[in-house]
Amino acid sequence: MLESLIGTPLLYNALAALVKFAIASVAIGAALSALDIQAADLLTDMGLTPEKMRIVLSDAVDWALPHFMLGAMVIVPIWLVLFLLKPPGINK
């Protein structure tokens, strides 16, 4: 039933994988928390700090966002033209 609401099997499979990943992450996080293991402790063991991770992630977003926007400015109009020129009745 959920597959028919979402549309394509590929999207259904991707969402199912995302839900499984989220459930597994919460379960493992709860187990590690019960063992008194914190994310900051794991980062410290790897030679990182939470602040350094924030800086690395911020730098990654700062690099990726302009490239994403530039690509989208090309891809979206092409997709829109192709979508509008598609003959009626073709679903794929």
PDB file of N, CA and C in Angstrom:
ATOM      1  N   MET A   1       0.821  -1.185   0.000  1.00  0.00           N
ATOM      2  CA  MET A   1       0.000   0.000   0.000  1.00  0.00           C
ATOM      3  C   MET A   1       0.871   1.258   0.000  1.00  0.00           C
ATOM      4  N   LEU A   2       1.897   1.273   0.844  1.00  0.00           N
ATOM      5  CA  LEU A   2       2.778   2.437   0.899  1.00  0.00           C
ATOM      6  C   LEU A   2       3.488   2.643  -0.433  1.00  0.00           C
ATOM      7  N   GLU A   3       3.850   1.555  -1.083  1.00  0.00           N
ATOM      8  CA  GLU A   3       4.524   1.663  -2.382  1.00  0.00           C
ATOM      9  C   GLU A   3       3.624   2.349  -3.404  1.00  0.00           C
ATOM     10  N   SER A   4       2.321   2.071  -3.377  1.00  0.00           N
ATOM     11  CA  SER A   4       1.418   2.712  -4.327  1.00  0.00           C
ATOM     12  C   SER A   4       1.231   4.198  -4.005  1.00  0.00           C
ATOM     13  N   LEU A   5       1.357   4.586  -2.741  1.00  0.00           N
ATOM     14  CA  LEU A   5       1.254   5.994  -2.383  1.00  0.00           C
ATOM     15  C   LEU A   5       2.501   6.770  -2.803  1.00  0.00           C
ATOM     16  N   ILE A   6       3.646   6.141  -2.688  1.00  0.00           N
ATOM     17  CA  ILE A   6       4.907   6.816  -3.013  1.00  0.00           C
ATOM     18  C   ILE A   6       5.106   6.875  -4.513  1.00  0.00           C
ATOM     19  N   GLY A   7       4.729   5.852  -5.221  1.00  0.00           N
ATOM     20  CA  GLY A   7       4.846   5.888  -6.681  1.00  0.00           C
ATOM     21  C   GLY A   7       5.773   4.831  -7.229  1.00  0.00           C
ATOM     22  N   THR A   8       7.055   5.068  -7.179  1.00  0.00           N
ATOM     23  CA  THR A   8       7.997   4.167  -7.822  1.00  0.00           C
ATOM     24  C   THR A   8       8.635   3.230  -6.805  1.00  0.00           C
ATOM     25  N   PRO A   9       8.976   2.019  -7.252  1.00  0.00           N
ATOM     26  CA  PRO A   9       9.656   1.092  -6.341  1.00  0.00           C
ATOM     27  C   PRO A   9      11.018   1.630  -5.890  1.00  0.00           C
ATOM     28  N   LEU A  10      11.703   2.386  -6.741  1.00  0.00           N
ATOM     29  CA  LEU A  10      13.002   2.930  -6.371  1.00  0.00           C
ATOM     30  C   LEU A  10      12.870   3.891  -5.196  1.00  0.00           C
ATOM     31  N   LEU A  11      11.874   4.770  -5.241  1.00  0.00           N
ATOM     32  CA  LEU A  11      11.649   5.705  -4.147  1.00  0.00           C
ATOM     33  C   LEU A  11      11.218   4.965  -2.885  1.00  0.00           C
ATOM     34  N   TYR A  12      10.371   3.958  -3.062  1.00  0.00           N
ATOM     35  CA  TYR A  12       9.936   3.142  -1.924  1.00  0.00           C
ATOM     36  C   TYR A  12      11.130   2.468  -1.270  1.00  0.00           C
ATOM     37  N   ASN A  13      12.034   1.888  -2.084  1.00  0.00           N
ATOM     38  CA  ASN A  13      13.215   1.213  -1.548  1.00  0.00           C
ATOM     39  C   ASN A  13      14.137   2.200  -0.834  1.00  0.00           C
ATOM     40  N   ALA A  14      14.279   3.392  -1.389  1.00  0.00           N
ATOM     41  CA  ALA A  14      15.131   4.393  -0.756  1.00  0.00           C
ATOM     42  C   ALA A  14      14.550   4.819   0.590  1.00  0.00           C
ATOM     43  N   LEU A  15      13.249   5.050   0.647  1.00  0.00           N
ATOM     44  CA  LEU A  15      12.621   5.440   1.910  1.00  0.00           C
ATOM     45  C   LEU A  15      12.659   4.309   2.932  1.00  0.00           C
ATOM     46  N   ALA A  16      12.478   3.072   2.465  1.00  0.00           N
ATOM     47  CA  ALA A  16      12.556   1.928   3.369  1.00  0.00           C
ATOM     48  C   ALA A  16      13.962   1.806   3.957  1.00  0.00           C
ATOM     49  N   ALA A  17      14.978   2.014   3.135  1.00  0.00           N
ATOM     50  CA  ALA A  17      16.361   1.967   3.621  1.00  0.00           C
ATOM     51  C   ALA A  17      16.618   3.085   4.614  1.00  0.00           C
ATOM     52  N   LEU A  18      16.073   4.271   4.356  1.00  0.00           N
ATOM     53  CA  LEU A  18      16.242   5.403   5.262  1.00  0.00           C
ATOM     54  C   LEU A  18      15.587   5.124   6.614  1.00  0.00           C
ATOM     55  N   VAL A  19      14.416   4.528   6.608  1.00  0.00           N
ATOM     56  CA  VAL A  19      13.731   4.185   7.864  1.00  0.00           C
ATOM     57  C   VAL A  19      14.529   3.128   8.626  1.00  0.00           C
ATOM     58  N   LYS A  20      15.035   2.111   7.927  1.00  0.00           N
ATOM     59  CA  LYS A  20      15.844   1.073   8.588  1.00  0.00           C
ATOM     60  C   LYS A  20      17.102   1.684   9.194  1.00  0.00           C
ATOM     61  N   PHE A  21      17.740   2.594   8.460  1.00  0.00           N
ATOM     62  CA  PHE A  21      18.935   3.261   8.953  1.00  0.00           C
ATOM     63  C   PHE A  21      18.628   4.058  10.220  1.00  0.00           C
ATOM     64  N   ALA A  22      17.505   4.770  10.212  1.00  0.00           N
ATOM     65  CA  ALA A  22      17.129   5.582  11.376  1.00  0.00           C
ATOM     66  C   ALA A  22      16.848   4.703  12.592  1.00  0.00           C
ATOM     67  N   ILE A  23      16.137   3.606  12.382  1.00  0.00           N
ATOM     68  CA  ILE A  23      15.820   2.698  13.496  1.00  0.00           C
ATOM     69  C   ILE A  23      17.090   2.073  14.053  1.00  0.00           C
ATOM     70  N   ALA A  24      17.978   1.620  13.176  1.00  0.00           N
ATOM     71  CA  ALA A  24      19.234   1.020  13.625  1.00  0.00           C
ATOM     72  C   ALA A  24      20.091   2.045  14.365  1.00  0.00           C
ATOM     73  N   SER A  25      20.126   3.279  13.881  1.00  0.00           N
ATOM     74  CA  SER A  25      20.920   4.318  14.530  1.00  0.00           C
ATOM     75  C   SER A  25      20.405   4.612  15.930  1.00  0.00           C
ATOM     76  N   VAL A  26      19.094   4.692  16.082  1.00  0.00           N
ATOM     77  CA  VAL A  26      18.522   4.950  17.403  1.00  0.00           C
ATOM     78  C   VAL A  26      18.799   3.783  18.341  1.00  0.00           C
ATOM     79  N   ALA A  27      18.662   2.560  17.844  1.00  0.00           N
ATOM     80  CA  ALA A  27      18.900   1.386  18.688  1.00  0.00           C
ATOM     81  C   ALA A  27      20.363   1.317  19.130  1.00  0.00           C
ATOM     82  N   ILE A  28      21.279   1.531  18.217  1.00  0.00           N
ATOM     83  CA  ILE A  28      22.702   1.483  18.573  1.00  0.00           C
ATOM     84  C   ILE A  28      23.061   2.648  19.482  1.00  0.00           C
ATOM     85  N   GLY A  29      22.503   3.824  19.213  1.00  0.00           N
ATOM     86  CA  GLY A  29      22.744   4.968  20.086  1.00  0.00           C
ATOM     87  C   GLY A  29      22.247   4.724  21.498  1.00  0.00           C
ATOM     88  N   ALA A  30      21.096   4.098  21.629  1.00  0.00           N
ATOM     89  CA  ALA A  30      20.559   3.783  22.957  1.00  0.00           C
ATOM     90  C   ALA A  30      21.441   2.766  23.672  1.00  0.00           C
ATOM     91  N   ALA A  31      21.926   1.767  22.934  1.00  0.00           N
ATOM     92  CA  ALA A  31      22.795   0.756  23.538  1.00  0.00           C
ATOM     93  C   ALA A  31      24.118   1.376  23.996  1.00  0.00           C
ATOM     94  N   LEU A  32      24.705   2.229  23.169  1.00  0.00           N
ATOM     95  CA  LEU A  32      25.954   2.888  23.562  1.00  0.00           C
ATOM     96  C   LEU A  32      25.746   3.829  24.739  1.00  0.00           C
ATOM     97  N   SER A  33      24.614   4.499  24.753  1.00  0.00           N
ATOM     98  CA  SER A  33      24.308   5.383  25.876  1.00  0.00           C
ATOM     99  C   SER A  33      24.147   4.584  27.168  1.00  0.00           C
ATOM    100  N   ALA A  34      23.556   3.405  27.076  1.00  0.00           N
ATOM    101  CA  ALA A  34      23.409   2.547  28.256  1.00  0.00           C
ATOM    102  C   ALA A  34      24.768   2.095  28.770  1.00  0.00           C
ATOM    103  N   LEU A  35      25.745   1.994  27.866  1.00  0.00           N
ATOM    104  CA  LEU A  35      27.107   1.628  28.260  1.00  0.00           C
ATOM    105  C   LEU A  35      27.932   2.853  28.647  1.00  0.00           C
ATOM    106  N   ASP A  36      27.285   4.014  28.744  1.00  0.00           N
ATOM    107  CA  ASP A  36      27.912   5.285  29.115  1.00  0.00           C
ATOM    108  C   ASP A  36      29.005   5.693  28.121  1.00  0.00           C
ATOM    109  N   ILE A  37      28.726   5.492  26.837  1.00  0.00           N
ATOM    110  CA  ILE A  37      29.624   5.927  25.771  1.00  0.00           C
ATOM    111  C   ILE A  37      28.941   7.074  25.050  1.00  0.00           C
ATOM    112  N   GLN A  38      29.607   8.208  24.989  1.00  0.00           N
ATOM    113  CA  GLN A  38      29.051   9.399  24.371  1.00  0.00           C
ATOM    114  C   GLN A  38      29.754   9.676  23.042  1.00  0.00           C
ATOM    115  N   ALA A  39      29.075  10.417  22.163  1.00  0.00           N
ATOM    116  CA  ALA A  39      29.640  10.760  20.859  1.00  0.00           C
ATOM    117  C   ALA A  39      30.925  11.563  21.016  1.00  0.00           C
ATOM    118  N   ALA A  40      30.966  12.473  21.980  1.00  0.00           N
ATOM    119  CA  ALA A  40      32.174  13.282  22.201  1.00  0.00           C
ATOM    120  C   ALA A  40      33.351  12.400  22.593  1.00  0.00           C
ATOM    121  N   ASP A  41      33.095  11.329  23.362  1.00  0.00           N
ATOM    122  CA  ASP A  41      34.159  10.404  23.748  1.00  0.00           C
ATOM    123  C   ASP A  41      34.719   9.675  22.527  1.00  0.00           C
ATOM    124  N   LEU A  42      33.827   9.247  21.641  1.00  0.00           N
ATOM    125  CA  LEU A  42      34.284   8.560  20.430  1.00  0.00           C
ATOM    126  C   LEU A  42      35.096   9.491  19.537  1.00  0.00           C
ATOM    127  N   LEU A  43      34.645  10.728  19.406  1.00  0.00           N
ATOM    128  CA  LEU A  43      35.390  11.700  18.601  1.00  0.00           C
ATOM    129  C   LEU A  43      36.769  11.958  19.198  1.00  0.00           C
ATOM    130  N   THR A  44      36.843  12.086  20.515  1.00  0.00           N
ATOM    131  CA  THR A  44      38.122  12.310  21.178  1.00  0.00           C
ATOM    132  C   THR A  44      39.060  11.141  20.946  1.00  0.00           C
ATOM    133  N   ASP A  45      38.538   9.928  20.997  1.00  0.00           N
ATOM    134  CA  ASP A  45      39.360   8.742  20.741  1.00  0.00           C
ATOM    135  C   ASP A  45      39.920   8.739  19.316  1.00  0.00           C
ATOM    136  N   MET A  46      39.191   9.346  18.383  1.00  0.00           N
ATOM    137  CA  MET A  46      39.652   9.420  16.995  1.00  0.00           C
ATOM    138  C   MET A  46      40.516  10.651  16.753  1.00  0.00           C
ATOM    139  N   GLY A  47      40.761  11.449  17.791  1.00  0.00           N
ATOM    140  CA  GLY A  47      41.595  12.633  17.646  1.00  0.00           C
ATOM    141  C   GLY A  47      40.848  13.853  17.144  1.00  0.00           C
ATOM    142  N   LEU A  48      39.555  13.841  17.275  1.00  0.00           N
ATOM    143  CA  LEU A  48      38.726  14.965  16.838  1.00  0.00           C
ATOM    144  C   LEU A  48      38.004  15.565  18.028  1.00  0.00           C
ATOM    145  N   THR A  49      37.488  16.746  17.836  1.00  0.00           N
ATOM    146  CA  THR A  49      36.651  17.373  18.856  1.00  0.00           C
ATOM    147  C   THR A  49      35.309  17.708  18.215  1.00  0.00           C
ATOM    148  N   PRO A  50      34.272  17.850  19.012  1.00  0.00           N
ATOM    149  CA  PRO A  50      32.975  18.244  18.431  1.00  0.00           C
ATOM    150  C   PRO A  50      33.074  19.568  17.667  1.00  0.00           C
ATOM    151  N   GLU A  51      33.892  20.506  18.175  1.00  0.00           N
ATOM    152  CA  GLU A  51      34.047  21.785  17.484  1.00  0.00           C
ATOM    153  C   GLU A  51      34.722  21.599  16.126  1.00  0.00           C
ATOM    154  N   LYS A  52      35.744  20.747  16.056  1.00  0.00           N
ATOM    155  CA  LYS A  52      36.424  20.492  14.778  1.00  0.00           C
ATOM    156  C   LYS A  52      35.459  19.827  13.791  1.00  0.00           C
ATOM    157  N   MET A  53      34.599  18.926  14.281  1.00  0.00           N
ATOM    158  CA  MET A  53      33.611  18.287  13.405  1.00  0.00           C
ATOM    159  C   MET A  53      32.626  19.317  12.867  1.00  0.00           C
ATOM    160  N   ARG A  54      32.200  20.258  13.714  1.00  0.00           N
ATOM    161  CA  ARG A  54      31.308  21.327  13.249  1.00  0.00           C
ATOM    162  C   ARG A  54      31.986  22.166  12.168  1.00  0.00           C
ATOM    163  N   ILE A  55      33.273  22.451  12.353  1.00  0.00           N
ATOM    164  CA  ILE A  55      34.010  23.241  11.370  1.00  0.00           C
ATOM    165  C   ILE A  55      34.123  22.470  10.052  1.00  0.00           C
ATOM    166  N   VAL A  56      34.447  21.188  10.125  1.00  0.00           N
ATOM    167  CA  VAL A  56      34.577  20.366   8.916  1.00  0.00           C
ATOM    168  C   VAL A  56      33.236  20.290   8.183  1.00  0.00           C
ATOM    169  N   LEU A  57      32.154  20.049   8.910  1.00  0.00           N
ATOM    170  CA  LEU A  57      30.834  19.975   8.281  1.00  0.00           C
ATOM    171  C   LEU A  57      30.416  21.323   7.698  1.00  0.00           C
ATOM    172  N   SER A  58      30.721  22.401   8.406  1.00  0.00           N
ATOM    173  CA  SER A  58      30.408  23.732   7.900  1.00  0.00           C
ATOM    174  C   SER A  58      31.189  24.024   6.619  1.00  0.00           C
ATOM    175  N   ASP A  59      32.467  23.661   6.604  1.00  0.00           N
ATOM    176  CA  ASP A  59      33.278  23.852   5.397  1.00  0.00           C
ATOM    177  C   ASP A  59      32.728  23.026   4.234  1.00  0.00           C
ATOM    178  N   ALA A  60      32.275  21.808   4.522  1.00  0.00           N
ATOM    179  CA  ALA A  60      31.717  20.949   3.468  1.00  0.00           C
ATOM    180  C   ALA A  60      30.447  21.568   2.885  1.00  0.00           C
ATOM    181  N   VAL A  61      29.586  22.087   3.746  1.00  0.00           N
ATOM    182  CA  VAL A  61      28.354  22.729   3.270  1.00  0.00           C
ATOM    183  C   VAL A  61      28.687  23.997   2.496  1.00  0.00           C
ATOM    184  N   ASP A  62      29.638  24.777   3.014  1.00  0.00           N
ATOM    185  CA  ASP A  62      30.040  26.009   2.328  1.00  0.00           C
ATOM    186  C   ASP A  62      30.595  25.718   0.936  1.00  0.00           C
ATOM    187  N   TRP A  63      31.266  24.573   0.768  1.00  0.00           N
ATOM    188  CA  TRP A  63      31.790  24.202  -0.543  1.00  0.00           C
ATOM    189  C   TRP A  63      30.680  23.652  -1.445  1.00  0.00           C
ATOM    190  N   ALA A  64      29.829  22.788  -0.890  1.00  0.00           N
ATOM    191  CA  ALA A  64      28.858  22.068  -1.710  1.00  0.00           C
ATOM    192  C   ALA A  64      27.668  22.919  -2.129  1.00  0.00           C
ATOM    193  N   LEU A  65      27.208  23.815  -1.295  1.00  0.00           N
ATOM    194  CA  LEU A  65      25.998  24.570  -1.590  1.00  0.00           C
ATOM    195  C   LEU A  65      26.096  25.405  -2.863  1.00  0.00           C
ATOM    196  N   PRO A  66      27.165  26.170  -3.081  1.00  0.00           N
ATOM    197  CA  PRO A  66      27.239  26.923  -4.341  1.00  0.00           C
ATOM    198  C   PRO A  66      27.290  26.014  -5.576  1.00  0.00           C
ATOM    199  N   HIS A  67      27.980  24.879  -5.461  1.00  0.00           N
ATOM    200  CA  HIS A  67      28.045  23.950  -6.582  1.00  0.00           C
ATOM    201  C   HIS A  67      26.679  23.319  -6.854  1.00  0.00           C
ATOM    202  N   PHE A  68      25.968  22.994  -5.785  1.00  0.00           N
ATOM    203  CA  PHE A  68      24.625  22.440  -5.923  1.00  0.00           C
ATOM    204  C   PHE A  68      23.697  23.440  -6.607  1.00  0.00           C
ATOM    205  N   MET A  69      23.737  24.684  -6.162  1.00  0.00           N
ATOM    206  CA  MET A  69      22.865  25.709  -6.734  1.00  0.00           C
ATOM    207  C   MET A  69      23.199  25.957  -8.207  1.00  0.00           C
ATOM    208  N   LEU A  70      24.477  25.990  -8.548  1.00  0.00           N
ATOM    209  CA  LEU A  70      24.883  26.204  -9.925  1.00  0.00           C
ATOM    210  C   LEU A  70      24.387  25.062 -10.813  1.00  0.00           C
ATOM    211  N   GLY A  71      24.553  23.845 -10.342  1.00  0.00           N
ATOM    212  CA  GLY A  71      24.062  22.691 -11.099  1.00  0.00           C
ATOM    213  C   GLY A  71      22.554  22.707 -11.239  1.00  0.00           C
ATOM    214  N   ALA A  72      21.852  23.079 -10.172  1.00  0.00           N
ATOM    215  CA  ALA A  72      20.392  23.128 -10.213  1.00  0.00           C
ATOM    216  C   ALA A  72      19.903  24.188 -11.189  1.00  0.00           C
ATOM    217  N   MET A  73      20.646  25.285 -11.317  1.00  0.00           N
ATOM    218  CA  MET A  73      20.251  26.339 -12.246  1.00  0.00           C
ATOM    219  C   MET A  73      20.324  25.865 -13.700  1.00  0.00           C
ATOM    220  N   VAL A  74      21.082  24.822 -13.956  1.00  0.00           N
ATOM    221  CA  VAL A  74      21.163  24.251 -15.296  1.00  0.00           C
ATOM    222  C   VAL A  74      20.173  23.097 -15.446  1.00  0.00           C
ATOM    223  N   ILE A  75      20.136  22.210 -14.465  1.00  0.00           N
ATOM    224  CA  ILE A  75      19.339  20.988 -14.553  1.00  0.00           C
ATOM    225  C   ILE A  75      17.839  21.264 -14.501  1.00  0.00           C
ATOM    226  N   VAL A  76      17.389  22.127 -13.611  1.00  0.00           N
ATOM    227  CA  VAL A  76      15.944  22.363 -13.436  1.00  0.00           C
ATOM    228  C   VAL A  76      15.292  22.900 -14.711  1.00  0.00           C
ATOM    229  N   PRO A  77      15.850  23.911 -15.368  1.00  0.00           N
ATOM    230  CA  PRO A  77      15.199  24.359 -16.618  1.00  0.00           C
ATOM    231  C   PRO A  77      15.194  23.286 -17.711  1.00  0.00           C
ATOM    232  N   ILE A  78      16.265  22.509 -17.809  1.00  0.00           N
ATOM    233  CA  ILE A  78      16.291  21.426 -18.800  1.00  0.00           C
ATOM    234  C   ILE A  78      15.201  20.417 -18.482  1.00  0.00           C
ATOM    235  N   TRP A  79      15.095  20.022 -17.211  1.00  0.00           N
ATOM    236  CA  TRP A  79      14.069  19.061 -16.819  1.00  0.00           C
ATOM    237  C   TRP A  79      12.678  19.631 -17.092  1.00  0.00           C
ATOM    238  N   LEU A  80      12.466  20.902 -16.789  1.00  0.00           N
ATOM    239  CA  LEU A  80      11.164  21.518 -16.991  1.00  0.00           C
ATOM    240  C   LEU A  80      10.772  21.520 -18.466  1.00  0.00           C
ATOM    241  N   VAL A  81      11.699  21.877 -19.338  1.00  0.00           N
ATOM    242  CA  VAL A  81      11.422  21.868 -20.779  1.00  0.00           C
ATOM    243  C   VAL A  81      11.097  20.456 -21.247  1.00  0.00           C
ATOM    244  N   LEU A  82      11.897  19.478 -20.830  1.00  0.00           N
ATOM    245  CA  LEU A  82      11.633  18.094 -21.233  1.00  0.00           C
ATOM    246  C   LEU A  82      10.287  17.615 -20.698  1.00  0.00           C
ATOM    247  N   PHE A  83       9.957  18.001 -19.461  1.00  0.00           N
ATOM    248  CA  PHE A  83       8.679  17.610 -18.875  1.00  0.00           C
ATOM    249  C   PHE A  83       7.504  18.219 -19.649  1.00  0.00           C
ATOM    250  N   LEU A  84       7.637  19.488 -20.007  1.00  0.00           N
ATOM    251  CA  LEU A  84       6.549  20.161 -20.733  1.00  0.00           C
ATOM    252  C   LEU A  84       6.412  19.661 -22.164  1.00  0.00           C
ATOM    253  N   LEU A  85       7.488  19.205 -22.773  1.00  0.00           N
ATOM    254  CA  LEU A  85       7.437  18.720 -24.151  1.00  0.00           C
ATOM    255  C   LEU A  85       7.101  17.241 -24.267  1.00  0.00           C
ATOM    256  N   LYS A  86       7.004  16.558 -23.133  1.00  0.00           N
ATOM    257  CA  LYS A  86       6.687  15.139 -23.142  1.00  0.00           C
ATOM    258  C   LYS A  86       5.254  14.932 -23.644  1.00  0.00           C
ATOM    259  N   PRO A  87       5.051  14.020 -24.581  1.00  0.00           N
ATOM    260  CA  PRO A  87       3.691  13.769 -25.071  1.00  0.00           C
ATOM    261  C   PRO A  87       2.769  13.291 -23.946  1.00  0.00           C
ATOM    262  N   PRO A  88       1.485  13.657 -24.008  1.00  0.00           N
ATOM    263  CA  PRO A  88       0.558  13.215 -22.962  1.00  0.00           C
ATOM    264  C   PRO A  88       0.404  11.692 -22.970  1.00  0.00           C
ATOM    265  N   GLY A  89       0.202  11.140 -21.795  1.00  0.00           N
ATOM    266  CA  GLY A  89      -0.027   9.715 -21.680  1.00  0.00           C
ATOM    267  C   GLY A  89       1.227   8.905 -21.405  1.00  0.00           C
ATOM    268  N   ILE A  90       2.400   9.529 -21.467  1.00  0.00           N
ATOM    269  CA  ILE A  90       3.649   8.818 -21.180  1.00  0.00           C
ATOM    270  C   ILE A  90       3.969   9.059 -19.705  1.00  0.00           C
ATOM    271  N   ASN A  91       4.014   7.960 -18.935  1.00  0.00           N
ATOM    272  CA  ASN A  91       4.223   8.065 -17.498  1.00  0.00           C
ATOM    273  C   ASN A  91       5.712   8.054 -17.140  1.00  0.00           C
ATOM    274  N   LYS A  92       6.552   7.508 -17.975  1.00  0.00           N
ATOM    275  CA  LYS A  92       7.962   7.360 -17.582  1.00  0.00           C
ATOM    276  C   LYS A  92       8.836   8.322 -18.286  1.00  0.00           C
TER     277      LYS A  92
END
